[in-house]
Amino acid sequence: MTYGAYLMMERGMFIGLEHVDYTIPSAVGFSGENKSVLFYGMDPNFKIKTYSLVVGYDEISYAKRYEADLSCFYF
C-alpha cells in the first residue's frame, strides 16, 4: 500500500510526502566464515515501511491544464 499527500503547484510542479507499507515473502540465508550457506529459509512476513519527501514535475498534469496538444518522444 502506498499513501501520498501532494501539493500541486503551477506548471506541473509538486511536492509531497509518501508512506509505503510493503509486505512480501523473502528469502533469508545465513553463511559461515568461509561464505558458504549454512541455512536458508523463507520469511513470509518480510515488511518494508518507508517515509519519503518527494519533489517532481508531472508533465501530463501540466498538459491537461495548459496545452491542447502534447507531442514529444517517450522512452
PDB file of N, CA and C in Angstrom:
ATOM      1  N   MET A   1       0.845  -1.171   0.000  1.00  0.00           N
ATOM      2  CA  MET A   1       0.000   0.000   0.000  1.00  0.00           C
ATOM      3  C   MET A   1       0.893   1.238   0.000  1.00  0.00           C
ATOM      4  N   THR A   2       0.536   2.180  -0.828  1.00  0.00           N
ATOM      5  CA  THR A   2       1.254   3.448  -0.901  1.00  0.00           C
ATOM      6  C   THR A   2       0.270   4.576  -0.639  1.00  0.00           C
ATOM      7  N   TYR A   3       0.632   5.444   0.268  1.00  0.00           N
ATOM      8  CA  TYR A   3      -0.183   6.607   0.591  1.00  0.00           C
ATOM      9  C   TYR A   3       0.630   7.856   0.305  1.00  0.00           C
ATOM     10  N   GLY A   4      -0.012   8.869  -0.235  1.00  0.00           N
ATOM     11  CA  GLY A   4       0.707  10.088  -0.548  1.00  0.00           C
ATOM     12  C   GLY A   4      -0.168  11.320  -0.403  1.00  0.00           C
ATOM     13  N   ALA A   5       0.463  12.402  -0.053  1.00  0.00           N
ATOM     14  CA  ALA A   5      -0.188  13.717   0.005  1.00  0.00           C
ATOM     15  C   ALA A   5       0.725  14.685  -0.735  1.00  0.00           C
ATOM     16  N   TYR A   6       0.189  15.337  -1.761  1.00  0.00           N
ATOM     17  CA  TYR A   6       0.994  16.186  -2.624  1.00  0.00           C
ATOM     18  C   TYR A   6       0.382  17.572  -2.735  1.00  0.00           C
ATOM     19  N   LEU A   7       1.227  18.546  -2.807  1.00  0.00           N
ATOM     20  CA  LEU A   7       0.818  19.913  -3.093  1.00  0.00           C
ATOM     21  C   LEU A   7       1.150  20.166  -4.552  1.00  0.00           C
ATOM     22  N   MET A   8       0.111  20.303  -5.377  1.00  0.00           N
ATOM     23  CA  MET A   8       0.295  20.541  -6.805  1.00  0.00           C
ATOM     24  C   MET A   8       0.413  22.046  -7.032  1.00  0.00           C
ATOM     25  N   MET A   9       1.471  22.445  -7.710  1.00  0.00           N
ATOM     26  CA  MET A   9       1.715  23.858  -7.970  1.00  0.00           C
ATOM     27  C   MET A   9       1.546  24.135  -9.461  1.00  0.00           C
ATOM     28  N   GLU A  10       1.799  25.350  -9.844  1.00  0.00           N
ATOM     29  CA  GLU A  10       1.657  25.747 -11.243  1.00  0.00           C
ATOM     30  C   GLU A  10       2.677  25.043 -12.126  1.00  0.00           C
ATOM     31  N   ARG A  11       2.319  24.848 -13.375  1.00  0.00           N
ATOM     32  CA  ARG A  11       3.173  24.281 -14.416  1.00  0.00           C
ATOM     33  C   ARG A  11       3.612  22.847 -14.145  1.00  0.00           C
ATOM     34  N   GLY A  12       2.808  22.084 -13.376  1.00  0.00           N
ATOM     35  CA  GLY A  12       3.077  20.669 -13.163  1.00  0.00           C
ATOM     36  C   GLY A  12       4.023  20.320 -12.033  1.00  0.00           C
ATOM     37  N   MET A  13       4.556  21.291 -11.337  1.00  0.00           N
ATOM     38  CA  MET A  13       5.460  21.013 -10.218  1.00  0.00           C
ATOM     39  C   MET A  13       4.654  20.517  -9.016  1.00  0.00           C
ATOM     40  N   PHE A  14       5.262  19.618  -8.221  1.00  0.00           N
ATOM     41  CA  PHE A  14       4.609  19.159  -6.996  1.00  0.00           C
ATOM     42  C   PHE A  14       5.644  18.841  -5.929  1.00  0.00           C
ATOM     43  N   ILE A  15       5.184  18.844  -4.679  1.00  0.00           N
ATOM     44  CA  ILE A  15       5.983  18.465  -3.519  1.00  0.00           C
ATOM     45  C   ILE A  15       5.039  17.726  -2.587  1.00  0.00           C
ATOM     46  N   GLY A  16       5.550  16.719  -1.868  1.00  0.00           N
ATOM     47  CA  GLY A  16       4.656  15.975  -1.000  1.00  0.00           C
ATOM     48  C   GLY A  16       5.364  14.958  -0.135  1.00  0.00           C
ATOM     49  N   LEU A  17       4.555  14.188   0.573  1.00  0.00           N
ATOM     50  CA  LEU A  17       5.028  13.129   1.455  1.00  0.00           C
ATOM     51  C   LEU A  17       4.413  11.813   1.002  1.00  0.00           C
ATOM     52  N   GLU A  18       5.195  10.727   1.089  1.00  0.00           N
ATOM     53  CA  GLU A  18       4.699   9.394   0.757  1.00  0.00           C
ATOM     54  C   GLU A  18       5.026   8.423   1.882  1.00  0.00           C
ATOM     55  N   HIS A  19       4.124   7.481   2.097  1.00  0.00           N
ATOM     56  CA  HIS A  19       4.352   6.379   3.034  1.00  0.00           C
ATOM     57  C   HIS A  19       4.088   5.081   2.283  1.00  0.00           C
ATOM     58  N   VAL A  20       5.053   4.159   2.308  1.00  0.00           N
ATOM     59  CA  VAL A  20       4.914   2.862   1.660  1.00  0.00           C
ATOM     60  C   VAL A  20       4.956   1.785   2.737  1.00  0.00           C
ATOM     61  N   ASP A  21       3.956   0.904   2.723  1.00  0.00           N
ATOM     62  CA  ASP A  21       3.868  -0.232   3.639  1.00  0.00           C
ATOM     63  C   ASP A  21       3.804  -1.477   2.756  1.00  0.00           C
ATOM     64  N   TYR A  22       4.936  -2.207   2.637  1.00  0.00           N
ATOM     65  CA  TYR A  22       5.092  -3.279   1.662  1.00  0.00           C
ATOM     66  C   TYR A  22       5.388  -4.583   2.382  1.00  0.00           C
ATOM     67  N   THR A  23       4.585  -5.624   2.126  1.00  0.00           N
ATOM     68  CA  THR A  23       4.793  -6.945   2.713  1.00  0.00           C
ATOM     69  C   THR A  23       4.894  -7.973   1.591  1.00  0.00           C
ATOM     70  N   ILE A  24       5.975  -8.775   1.606  1.00  0.00           N
ATOM     71  CA  ILE A  24       6.183  -9.792   0.571  1.00  0.00           C
ATOM     72  C   ILE A  24       7.063 -10.900   1.152  1.00  0.00           C
ATOM     73  N   PRO A  25       6.811 -12.156   0.769  1.00  0.00           N
ATOM     74  CA  PRO A  25       7.714 -13.230   1.215  1.00  0.00           C
ATOM     75  C   PRO A  25       9.133 -12.993   0.690  1.00  0.00           C
ATOM     76  N   SER A  26      10.126 -13.313   1.502  1.00  0.00           N
ATOM     77  CA  SER A  26      11.505 -13.052   1.113  1.00  0.00           C
ATOM     78  C   SER A  26      12.417 -14.179   1.604  1.00  0.00           C
ATOM     79  N   ALA A  27      13.466 -14.459   0.844  1.00  0.00           N
ATOM     80  CA  ALA A  27      14.451 -15.465   1.238  1.00  0.00           C
ATOM     81  C   ALA A  27      15.398 -14.887   2.285  1.00  0.00           C
ATOM     82  N   VAL A  28      15.724 -15.717   3.270  1.00  0.00           N
ATOM     83  CA  VAL A  28      16.664 -15.335   4.325  1.00  0.00           C
ATOM     84  C   VAL A  28      17.724 -16.422   4.389  1.00  0.00           C
ATOM     85  N   GLY A  29      19.001 -16.034   4.400  1.00  0.00           N
ATOM     86  CA  GLY A  29      20.077 -17.019   4.461  1.00  0.00           C
ATOM     87  C   GLY A  29      21.156 -16.610   5.447  1.00  0.00           C
ATOM     88  N   PHE A  30      21.862 -17.609   5.971  1.00  0.00           N
ATOM     89  CA  PHE A  30      22.967 -17.373   6.904  1.00  0.00           C
ATOM     90  C   PHE A  30      24.190 -18.106   6.381  1.00  0.00           C
ATOM     91  N   SER A  31      25.350 -17.442   6.434  1.00  0.00           N
ATOM     92  CA  SER A  31      26.584 -18.062   5.938  1.00  0.00           C
ATOM     93  C   SER A  31      27.629 -18.115   7.040  1.00  0.00           C
ATOM     94  N   GLY A  32      28.597 -19.010   6.849  1.00  0.00           N
ATOM     95  CA  GLY A  32      29.687 -19.159   7.800  1.00  0.00           C
ATOM     96  C   GLY A  32      30.847 -18.247   7.449  1.00  0.00           C
ATOM     97  N   GLU A  33      31.978 -18.438   8.132  1.00  0.00           N
ATOM     98  CA  GLU A  33      33.172 -17.620   7.912  1.00  0.00           C
ATOM     99  C   GLU A  33      33.732 -17.778   6.506  1.00  0.00           C
ATOM    100  N   ASN A  34      33.568 -18.960   5.903  1.00  0.00           N
ATOM    101  CA  ASN A  34      34.092 -19.194   4.555  1.00  0.00           C
ATOM    102  C   ASN A  34      33.070 -18.812   3.474  1.00  0.00           C
ATOM    103  N   LYS A  35      32.015 -18.121   3.849  1.00  0.00           N
ATOM    104  CA  LYS A  35      30.981 -17.594   2.944  1.00  0.00           C
ATOM    105  C   LYS A  35      30.070 -18.655   2.342  1.00  0.00           C
ATOM    106  N   SER A  36      30.127 -19.891   2.829  1.00  0.00           N
ATOM    107  CA  SER A  36      29.199 -20.907   2.333  1.00  0.00           C
ATOM    108  C   SER A  36      27.881 -20.802   3.105  1.00  0.00           C
ATOM    109  N   VAL A  37      26.793 -21.130   2.433  1.00  0.00           N
ATOM    110  CA  VAL A  37      25.469 -21.019   3.043  1.00  0.00           C
ATOM    111  C   VAL A  37      25.271 -22.151   4.036  1.00  0.00           C
ATOM    112  N   LEU A  38      24.953 -21.786   5.296  1.00  0.00           N
ATOM    113  CA  LEU A  38      24.717 -22.779   6.343  1.00  0.00           C
ATOM    114  C   LEU A  38      23.233 -23.111   6.474  1.00  0.00           C
ATOM    115  N   PHE A  39      22.401 -22.104   6.308  1.00  0.00           N
ATOM    116  CA  PHE A  39      20.960 -22.287   6.486  1.00  0.00           C
ATOM    117  C   PHE A  39      20.234 -21.252   5.644  1.00  0.00           C
ATOM    118  N   TYR A  40      19.109 -21.634   5.081  1.00  0.00           N
ATOM    119  CA  TYR A  40      18.278 -20.678   4.371  1.00  0.00           C
ATOM    120  C   TYR A  40      16.804 -21.056   4.569  1.00  0.00           C
ATOM    121  N   GLY A  41      15.964 -20.082   4.382  1.00  0.00           N
ATOM    122  CA  GLY A  41      14.531 -20.303   4.527  1.00  0.00           C
ATOM    123  C   GLY A  41      13.761 -19.108   3.985  1.00  0.00           C
ATOM    124  N   MET A  42      12.464 -19.151   4.160  1.00  0.00           N
ATOM    125  CA  MET A  42      11.599 -18.065   3.696  1.00  0.00           C
ATOM    126  C   MET A  42      10.984 -17.345   4.897  1.00  0.00           C
ATOM    127  N   ASP A  43      10.974 -16.044   4.835  1.00  0.00           N
ATOM    128  CA  ASP A  43      10.274 -15.231   5.821  1.00  0.00           C
ATOM    129  C   ASP A  43       8.989 -14.741   5.156  1.00  0.00           C
ATOM    130  N   PRO A  44       7.830 -15.304   5.507  1.00  0.00           N
ATOM    131  CA  PRO A  44       6.586 -14.946   4.824  1.00  0.00           C
ATOM    132  C   PRO A  44       6.070 -13.551   5.173  1.00  0.00           C
ATOM    133  N   ASN A  45       6.600 -12.950   6.207  1.00  0.00           N
ATOM    134  CA  ASN A  45       6.095 -11.646   6.659  1.00  0.00           C
ATOM    135  C   ASN A  45       7.137 -10.545   6.583  1.00  0.00           C
ATOM    136  N   PHE A  46       8.014 -10.597   5.588  1.00  0.00           N
ATOM    137  CA  PHE A  46       9.022  -9.565   5.417  1.00  0.00           C
ATOM    138  C   PHE A  46       8.333  -8.239   5.087  1.00  0.00           C
ATOM    139  N   LYS A  47       8.668  -7.185   5.826  1.00  0.00           N
ATOM    140  CA  LYS A  47       7.989  -5.892   5.648  1.00  0.00           C
ATOM    141  C   LYS A  47       8.995  -4.771   5.427  1.00  0.00           C
ATOM    142  N   ILE A  48       8.594  -3.856   4.590  1.00  0.00           N
ATOM    143  CA  ILE A  48       9.350  -2.628   4.389  1.00  0.00           C
ATOM    144  C   ILE A  48       8.393  -1.470   4.606  1.00  0.00           C
ATOM    145  N   LYS A  49       8.780  -0.541   5.451  1.00  0.00           N
ATOM    146  CA  LYS A  49       7.990   0.672   5.664  1.00  0.00           C
ATOM    147  C   LYS A  49       8.901   1.865   5.436  1.00  0.00           C
ATOM    148  N   THR A  50       8.482   2.766   4.560  1.00  0.00           N
ATOM    149  CA  THR A  50       9.293   3.941   4.276  1.00  0.00           C
ATOM    150  C   THR A  50       8.442   5.196   4.308  1.00  0.00           C
ATOM    151  N   TYR A  51       9.091   6.287   4.627  1.00  0.00           N
ATOM    152  CA  TYR A  51       8.506   7.621   4.535  1.00  0.00           C
ATOM    153  C   TYR A  51       9.431   8.443   3.643  1.00  0.00           C
ATOM    154  N   SER A  52       8.860   9.160   2.686  1.00  0.00           N
ATOM    155  CA  SER A  52       9.681   9.897   1.731  1.00  0.00           C
ATOM    156  C   SER A  52       9.139  11.293   1.500  1.00  0.00           C
ATOM    157  N   LEU A  53      10.050  12.212   1.277  1.00  0.00           N
ATOM    158  CA  LEU A  53       9.707  13.549   0.797  1.00  0.00           C
ATOM    159  C   LEU A  53       9.941  13.524  -0.701  1.00  0.00           C
ATOM    160  N   VAL A  54       8.923  13.860  -1.482  1.00  0.00           N
ATOM    161  CA  VAL A  54       9.040  13.799  -2.937  1.00  0.00           C
ATOM    162  C   VAL A  54       8.851  15.178  -3.548  1.00  0.00           C
ATOM    163  N   VAL A  55       9.621  15.432  -4.585  1.00  0.00           N
ATOM    164  CA  VAL A  55       9.532  16.668  -5.360  1.00  0.00           C
ATOM    165  C   VAL A  55       9.595  16.256  -6.816  1.00  0.00           C
ATOM    166  N   GLY A  56       8.756  16.856  -7.647  1.00  0.00           N
ATOM    167  CA  GLY A  56       8.801  16.447  -9.042  1.00  0.00           C
ATOM    168  C   GLY A  56       8.012  17.343  -9.968  1.00  0.00           C
ATOM    169  N   TYR A  57       7.902  16.843 -11.200  1.00  0.00           N
ATOM    170  CA  TYR A  57       7.218  17.554 -12.266  1.00  0.00           C
ATOM    171  C   TYR A  57       6.329  16.548 -12.975  1.00  0.00           C
ATOM    172  N   ASP A  58       5.054  16.839 -13.090  1.00  0.00           N
ATOM    173  CA  ASP A  58       4.090  15.971 -13.747  1.00  0.00           C
ATOM    174  C   ASP A  58       3.699  16.596 -15.078  1.00  0.00           C
ATOM    175  N   GLU A  59       4.319  16.112 -16.152  1.00  0.00           N
ATOM    176  CA  GLU A  59       4.106  16.700 -17.476  1.00  0.00           C
ATOM    177  C   GLU A  59       2.656  16.555 -17.936  1.00  0.00           C
ATOM    178  N   ILE A  60       2.030  15.429 -17.623  1.00  0.00           N
ATOM    179  CA  ILE A  60       0.644  15.209 -18.048  1.00  0.00           C
ATOM    180  C   ILE A  60      -0.305  16.158 -17.316  1.00  0.00           C
ATOM    181  N   SER A  61      -0.078  16.377 -16.034  1.00  0.00           N
ATOM    182  CA  SER A  61      -0.906  17.317 -15.281  1.00  0.00           C
ATOM    183  C   SER A  61      -0.799  18.722 -15.882  1.00  0.00           C
ATOM    184  N   TYR A  62       0.407  19.103 -16.252  1.00  0.00           N
ATOM    185  CA  TYR A  62       0.612  20.404 -16.871  1.00  0.00           C
ATOM    186  C   TYR A  62      -0.093  20.471 -18.225  1.00  0.00           C
ATOM    187  N   ALA A  63       0.029  19.416 -19.018  1.00  0.00           N
ATOM    188  CA  ALA A  63      -0.569  19.401 -20.364  1.00  0.00           C
ATOM    189  C   ALA A  63      -2.090  19.452 -20.302  1.00  0.00           C
ATOM    190  N   LYS A  64      -2.685  18.759 -19.329  1.00  0.00           N
ATOM    191  CA  LYS A  64      -4.145  18.778 -19.210  1.00  0.00           C
ATOM    192  C   LYS A  64      -4.667  20.168 -18.897  1.00  0.00           C
ATOM    193  N   ARG A  65      -3.876  20.939 -18.203  1.00  0.00           N
ATOM    194  CA  ARG A  65      -4.327  22.260 -17.784  1.00  0.00           C
ATOM    195  C   ARG A  65      -4.046  23.361 -18.793  1.00  0.00           C
ATOM    196  N   TYR A  66      -2.898  23.283 -19.457  1.00  0.00           N
ATOM    197  CA  TYR A  66      -2.450  24.417 -20.267  1.00  0.00           C
ATOM    198  C   TYR A  66      -2.348  24.147 -21.766  1.00  0.00           C
ATOM    199  N   GLU A  67      -2.156  22.893 -22.146  1.00  0.00           N
ATOM    200  CA  GLU A  67      -1.891  22.593 -23.547  1.00  0.00           C
ATOM    201  C   GLU A  67      -3.070  21.857 -24.172  1.00  0.00           C
ATOM    202  N   ALA A  68      -3.318  22.107 -25.439  1.00  0.00           N
ATOM    203  CA  ALA A  68      -4.336  21.361 -26.165  1.00  0.00           C
ATOM    204  C   ALA A  68      -3.724  20.126 -26.813  1.00  0.00           C
ATOM    205  N   ASP A  69      -2.397  20.122 -27.011  1.00  0.00           N
ATOM    206  CA  ASP A  69      -1.720  19.019 -27.670  1.00  0.00           C
ATOM    207  C   ASP A  69      -0.357  18.812 -27.017  1.00  0.00           C
ATOM    208  N   LEU A  70      -0.043  17.565 -26.702  1.00  0.00           N
ATOM    209  CA  LEU A  70       1.261  17.240 -26.121  1.00  0.00           C
ATOM    210  C   LEU A  70       1.939  16.246 -27.051  1.00  0.00           C
ATOM    211  N   SER A  71       3.004  16.680 -27.687  1.00  0.00           N
ATOM    212  CA  SER A  71       3.703  15.845 -28.641  1.00  0.00           C
ATOM    213  C   SER A  71       5.187  15.835 -28.294  1.00  0.00           C
ATOM    214  N   CYS A  72       5.679  14.652 -27.870  1.00  0.00           N
ATOM    215  CA  CYS A  72       7.104  14.539 -27.556  1.00  0.00           C
ATOM    216  C   CYS A  72       7.526  13.085 -27.618  1.00  0.00           C
ATOM    217  N   PHE A  73       8.821  12.819 -27.609  1.00  0.00           N
ATOM    218  CA  PHE A  73       9.377  11.477 -27.661  1.00  0.00           C
ATOM    219  C   PHE A  73       9.380  10.869 -26.271  1.00  0.00           C
ATOM    220  N   TYR A  74       8.923   9.620 -26.150  1.00  0.00           N
ATOM    221  CA  TYR A  74       8.928   8.919 -24.878  1.00  0.00           C
ATOM    222  C   TYR A  74       9.828   7.704 -24.986  1.00  0.00           C
ATOM    223  N   PHE A  75      10.618   7.427 -23.946  1.00  0.00           N
ATOM    224  CA  PHE A  75      11.487   6.263 -23.912  1.00  0.00           C
ATOM    225  C   PHE A  75      11.049   5.380 -22.763  1.00  0.00           C
TER     226      PHE A  75
END
